[in-house]
C-alpha atoms as a PDB file:
ATOM      1  CA  MET A   1      -3.147   2.559 -25.227  1.00  0.00           C
ATOM      2  CA  TRP A   2       0.137   4.413 -24.932  1.00  0.00           C
ATOM      3  CA  TRP A   3       2.794   2.228 -23.225  1.00  0.00           C
ATOM      4  CA  PRO A   4       3.665   4.555 -20.285  1.00  0.00           C
ATOM      5  CA  ILE A   5      -0.009   4.778 -19.335  1.00  0.00           C
ATOM      6  CA  LEU A   6      -0.415   1.012 -19.623  1.00  0.00           C
ATOM      7  CA  THR A   7       2.716   0.376 -17.551  1.00  0.00           C
ATOM      8  CA  LEU A   8       1.661   2.785 -14.795  1.00  0.00           C
ATOM      9  CA  SER A   9      -1.860   1.346 -14.773  1.00  0.00           C
ATOM     10  CA  ILE A  10      -0.551  -2.189 -14.281  1.00  0.00           C
ATOM     11  CA  LEU A  11       1.860  -0.957 -11.588  1.00  0.00           C
ATOM     12  CA  LEU A  12      -1.015   0.848  -9.857  1.00  0.00           C
ATOM     13  CA  VAL A  13      -3.101  -2.339  -9.708  1.00  0.00           C
ATOM     14  CA  ILE A  14      -0.181  -4.339  -8.299  1.00  0.00           C
ATOM     15  CA  LEU A  15       0.615  -1.652  -5.723  1.00  0.00           C
ATOM     16  CA  SER A  16      -3.054  -1.456  -4.721  1.00  0.00           C
ATOM     17  CA  VAL A  17      -3.140  -5.167  -3.921  1.00  0.00           C
ATOM     18  CA  ILE A  18       0.154  -4.975  -1.993  1.00  0.00           C
ATOM     19  CA  LEU A  19      -0.956  -1.869  -0.087  1.00  0.00           C
ATOM     20  CA  THR A  20      -4.253  -3.515   0.861  1.00  0.00           C
ATOM     21  CA  GLY A  21      -2.370  -6.530   2.204  1.00  0.00           C
ATOM     22  CA  PHE A  22       0.022  -4.379   4.224  1.00  0.00           C
ATOM     23  CA  ILE A  23      -2.844  -2.388   5.731  1.00  0.00           C
ATOM     24  CA  LEU A  24      -4.680  -5.549   6.712  1.00  0.00           C
ATOM     25  CA  LEU A  25      -1.551  -6.968   8.377  1.00  0.00           C
ATOM     26  CA  HIS A  26      -1.192  -4.031  10.793  1.00  0.00           C
ATOM     27  CA  LYS A  27      -1.656  -4.499  14.515  1.00  0.00           C
ATOM     28  CA  ASN A  28      -5.177  -5.300  15.582  1.00  0.00           C
ATOM     29  CA  ARG A  29      -7.170  -2.181  16.342  1.00  0.00           C
ATOM     30  CA  GLY A  30     -10.622  -3.584  15.690  1.00  0.00           C
ATOM     31  CA  GLY A  31     -10.190  -6.598  13.432  1.00  0.00           C
ATOM     32  CA  GLY A  32      -8.549  -7.521  10.184  1.00  0.00           C
ATOM     33  CA  LEU A  33      -6.194 -10.182   8.953  1.00  0.00           C
ATOM     34  CA  SER A  34      -3.752  -9.506  11.776  1.00  0.00           C
ATOM     35  CA  ASP A  35      -5.967 -11.674  14.021  1.00  0.00           C
ATOM     36  CA  LEU A  36      -5.526 -14.546  11.612  1.00  0.00           C
ATOM     37  CA  PHE A  37      -1.746 -14.404  11.983  1.00  0.00           C
ATOM     38  CA  GLY A  38      -1.723 -14.102  15.774  1.00  0.00           C
ATOM     39  CA  GLY A  39      -2.059 -10.328  16.073  1.00  0.00           C
ATOM     40  CA  GLY A  40      -4.907 -10.683  18.548  1.00  0.00           C
ATOM     41  CA  MET A  41      -2.600 -12.182  21.177  1.00  0.00           C
ATOM     42  CA  SER A  42      -0.453  -9.123  21.760  1.00  0.00           C
ATOM     43  CA  SER A  43       1.338  -8.596  25.036  1.00  0.00           C
ATOM     44  CA  SER A  44       0.615  -5.787  27.441  1.00  0.00           C
ATOM     45  CA  MET A  45       3.913  -4.074  26.684  1.00  0.00           C
ATOM     46  CA  GLY A  46       3.361  -0.579  25.314  1.00  0.00           C
ATOM     47  CA  GLY A  47       6.083  -0.316  22.661  1.00  0.00           C
ATOM     48  CA  SER A  48       5.908  -1.482  19.110  1.00  0.00           C
ATOM     49  CA  SER A  49       8.172  -4.226  17.854  1.00  0.00           C
ATOM     50  CA  MET A  50      10.734  -3.918  15.096  1.00  0.00           C
ATOM     51  CA  ALA A  51       8.458  -5.886  12.768  1.00  0.00           C
ATOM     52  CA  GLU A  52       5.617  -3.399  13.327  1.00  0.00           C
ATOM     53  CA  ARG A  53       7.895  -0.451  12.645  1.00  0.00           C
ATOM     54  CA  ASN A  54       9.173  -2.088   9.463  1.00  0.00           C
ATOM     55  CA  LEU A  55       5.605  -2.811   8.375  1.00  0.00           C
ATOM     56  CA  ASP A  56       4.739   0.843   9.016  1.00  0.00           C
ATOM     57  CA  ARG A  57       7.700   1.966   6.903  1.00  0.00           C
ATOM     58  CA  LEU A  58       6.826  -0.425   4.081  1.00  0.00           C
ATOM     59  CA  THR A  59       3.188   0.653   4.117  1.00  0.00           C
ATOM     60  CA  LEU A  60       4.158   4.315   3.985  1.00  0.00           C
ATOM     61  CA  THR A  61       6.664   3.724   1.174  1.00  0.00           C
ATOM     62  CA  ILE A  62       4.224   1.694  -0.926  1.00  0.00           C
ATOM     63  CA  GLY A  63       1.524   4.306  -0.249  1.00  0.00           C
ATOM     64  CA  LEU A  64       3.753   7.127  -1.476  1.00  0.00           C
ATOM     65  CA  ILE A  65       4.704   5.185  -4.609  1.00  0.00           C
ATOM     66  CA  TRP A  66       0.984   4.458  -5.165  1.00  0.00           C
ATOM     67  CA  LEU A  67       0.202   8.182  -4.863  1.00  0.00           C
ATOM     68  CA  ALA A  68       3.034   9.054  -7.259  1.00  0.00           C
ATOM     69  CA  CYS A  69       1.619   6.599  -9.832  1.00  0.00           C
ATOM     70  CA  ILE A  70      -1.779   8.276  -9.620  1.00  0.00           C
ATOM     71  CA  ILE A  71      -0.259  11.738 -10.070  1.00  0.00           C
ATOM     72  CA  LEU A  72       1.872  10.543 -13.010  1.00  0.00           C
ATOM     73  CA  LEU A  73      -1.188   8.988 -14.647  1.00  0.00           C
ATOM     74  CA  LEU A  74      -3.043  12.280 -14.244  1.00  0.00           C
ATOM     75  CA  VAL A  75      -0.174  14.167 -15.881  1.00  0.00           C
ATOM     76  CA  LEU A  76       0.103  11.653 -18.731  1.00  0.00           C
ATOM     77  CA  TYR A  77      -3.628  11.768 -19.429  1.00  0.00           C
ATOM     78  CA  ARG A  78      -3.516  15.580 -19.528  1.00  0.00           C
ATOM     79  CA  VAL A  79      -0.514  15.594 -21.877  1.00  0.00           C
ATOM     80  CA  HIS A  80      -1.999  12.942 -24.191  1.00  0.00           C
ATOM     81  CA  PRO A  81      -5.809  13.234 -23.767  1.00  0.00           C
ATOM     82  CA  GLY A  82      -6.586  10.981 -26.727  1.00  0.00           C
ATOM     83  CA  GLN A  83      -4.678   8.008 -25.348  1.00  0.00           C
END
């Protein structure tokens, strides 16, 4: 396997695991791992905390990098179809 494809494939697997964890840590809206870490005991205040906003930003950033890896893999497989 050509090294850029192998590198992006490994990065994609790592990012997938990280992205899954970040999604499961989001505020409880019907279950998930956030209950395990105390997310089920939220206060009645309407705003989101700084930690939630940072988690949203991290999830979005990792998601965009994940999408970029998929697009780059598509381009590399089209350029080098035999790899």
